[in-house]
Amino acid sequence: MLKKNRFKKKNRLKKKKIKKSRIKENIIKEKKNKEKKNKKSRIKEDITIVDGIVLESLPNAFFRVEIVDNKNVVLARICGKMKVGKIRVIPGDKVKVEVSKYDLTRGRIIYREI
């Protein structure tokens, strides 16, 4: 009788430890997810989206794009989703370009207007 009670107590304690460890793991995962979200929002603050027209096509998916608002020329690259979707960009297309506030001469083409 006593042995059975000891085993029951040990099993209960093990279960409690497992529950506590799972709770800690979930809390850690939630913190990591929040940090990822915060990083993404910080990154987006530094980027401005502008309209442009493709002037010429260069090797390795680079393009010279003229920004419509101020007539500046930007060296832009196609974003990954456009590469995966095999969206073609040719000179004369209207596009949306992400430009960083730190380097106004380079950008990323994120959308091609029809």
Protein backbone atom coordinates (compact mmCIF):
# COMPACT_ATOMS: atom_id res chain seq x y z
CA MET A 1 0.00 0.00 0.00
CA LEU A 2 2.73 2.43 0.94
CA LYS A 3 4.70 1.75 -2.23
CA LYS A 4 1.70 2.52 -4.40
CA ASN A 5 1.17 5.86 -2.65
CA ARG A 6 4.84 6.76 -3.12
CA PHE A 7 4.64 6.05 -6.82
CA LYS A 8 1.46 8.07 -7.13
CA LYS A 9 3.11 11.04 -5.43
CA LYS A 10 6.16 10.78 -7.67
CA ASN A 11 3.96 10.63 -10.76
CA ARG A 12 2.00 13.69 -9.61
CA LEU A 13 5.21 15.62 -9.02
CA LYS A 14 6.53 14.65 -12.46
CA LYS A 15 3.30 15.78 -14.09
CA LYS A 16 3.47 19.13 -12.27
CA LYS A 17 7.07 19.65 -13.40
CA ILE A 18 6.14 18.81 -16.98
CA LYS A 19 3.23 21.26 -16.90
CA LYS A 20 5.44 24.01 -15.48
CA SER A 21 8.11 23.42 -18.10
CA ARG A 22 5.51 23.52 -20.89
CA ILE A 23 4.12 26.77 -19.53
CA LYS A 24 7.62 28.27 -19.47
CA GLU A 25 8.25 27.11 -23.05
CA ASN A 26 4.99 28.72 -24.21
CA ILE A 27 5.90 31.99 -22.48
CA ILE A 28 9.33 31.99 -24.13
CA LYS A 29 7.77 31.31 -27.56
CA GLU A 30 5.31 34.19 -27.11
CA LYS A 31 8.14 36.57 -26.20
CA LYS A 32 10.10 35.55 -29.29
CA ASN A 33 7.06 36.09 -31.51
CA LYS A 34 6.53 39.56 -30.05
CA GLU A 35 10.18 40.43 -30.67
CA LYS A 36 9.88 39.31 -34.31
CA LYS A 37 6.79 41.48 -34.79
CA ASN A 38 8.56 44.47 -33.26
CA LYS A 39 11.56 44.00 -35.58
CA LYS A 40 9.30 43.90 -38.63
CA SER A 41 7.50 47.08 -37.64
CA ARG A 42 10.83 48.88 -37.05
CA ILE A 43 12.08 47.86 -40.48
CA LYS A 44 8.98 49.18 -42.25
CA GLU A 45 9.35 52.64 -40.69
CA ASP A 46 12.59 53.25 -42.60
CA ILE A 47 11.10 52.51 -46.03
CA THR A 48 9.07 54.77 -48.32
CA ILE A 49 7.09 53.45 -51.29
CA VAL A 50 7.16 55.56 -54.46
CA ASP A 51 5.90 55.19 -58.03
CA GLY A 52 8.32 54.95 -60.90
CA ILE A 53 8.85 54.02 -64.54
CA VAL A 54 11.43 51.46 -65.66
CA LEU A 55 14.03 53.06 -67.94
CA GLU A 56 16.32 50.14 -68.73
CA SER A 57 16.92 46.51 -67.85
CA LEU A 58 20.31 45.46 -66.43
CA PRO A 59 21.80 42.02 -65.68
CA ASN A 60 20.87 40.04 -62.54
CA ALA A 61 17.32 41.42 -62.26
CA PHE A 62 18.46 45.02 -61.79
CA PHE A 63 16.62 47.95 -63.37
CA ARG A 64 17.06 51.68 -63.68
CA VAL A 65 13.84 53.27 -62.46
CA GLU A 66 12.89 56.94 -62.74
CA ILE A 67 10.80 58.12 -59.81
CA VAL A 68 7.72 60.01 -61.02
CA ASP A 69 7.61 62.65 -58.25
CA ASN A 70 11.11 64.12 -58.44
CA LYS A 71 12.63 62.60 -61.62
CA ASN A 72 15.47 60.90 -59.66
CA VAL A 73 16.93 57.70 -61.10
CA VAL A 74 17.14 54.70 -58.77
CA LEU A 75 18.93 51.38 -59.23
CA ALA A 76 16.25 48.85 -58.26
CA ARG A 77 16.09 45.10 -57.93
CA ILE A 78 13.05 42.80 -58.14
CA CYS A 79 11.77 41.54 -54.79
CA GLY A 80 11.76 37.80 -54.03
CA LYS A 81 8.01 37.28 -54.44
CA MET A 82 8.13 38.71 -57.94
CA LYS A 83 11.00 36.36 -58.80
CA VAL A 84 9.10 33.34 -57.46
CA GLY A 85 5.95 34.42 -59.31
CA LYS A 86 8.02 34.93 -62.47
CA ILE A 87 6.59 38.40 -63.04
CA ARG A 88 8.31 40.03 -66.00
CA VAL A 89 9.34 43.67 -65.89
CA ILE A 90 10.30 45.45 -69.11
CA PRO A 91 11.32 49.05 -69.84
CA GLY A 92 8.32 51.37 -69.85
CA ASP A 93 6.41 49.54 -67.07
CA LYS A 94 4.98 51.50 -64.15
CA VAL A 95 6.22 50.02 -60.86
CA LYS A 96 6.12 50.66 -57.13
CA VAL A 97 9.55 50.88 -55.52
CA GLU A 98 10.59 50.65 -51.87
CA VAL A 99 13.36 53.15 -51.15
CA SER A 100 15.25 53.31 -47.87
CA LYS A 101 15.72 56.69 -46.26
CA TYR A 102 19.40 55.83 -45.74
CA ASP A 103 20.27 55.21 -49.40
CA LEU A 104 18.08 57.05 -51.91
CA THR A 105 19.93 55.69 -54.95
CA ARG A 106 18.87 52.04 -54.49
CA GLY A 107 15.50 50.38 -54.15
CA ARG A 108 13.39 47.25 -54.50
CA ILE A 109 10.58 46.80 -57.03
CA ILE A 110 7.61 45.39 -55.13
CA TYR A 111 4.74 45.79 -57.62
CA ARG A 112 4.26 46.12 -61.37
CA GLU A 113 1.20 48.04 -62.51
CA ILE A 114 -0.54 46.96 -65.68
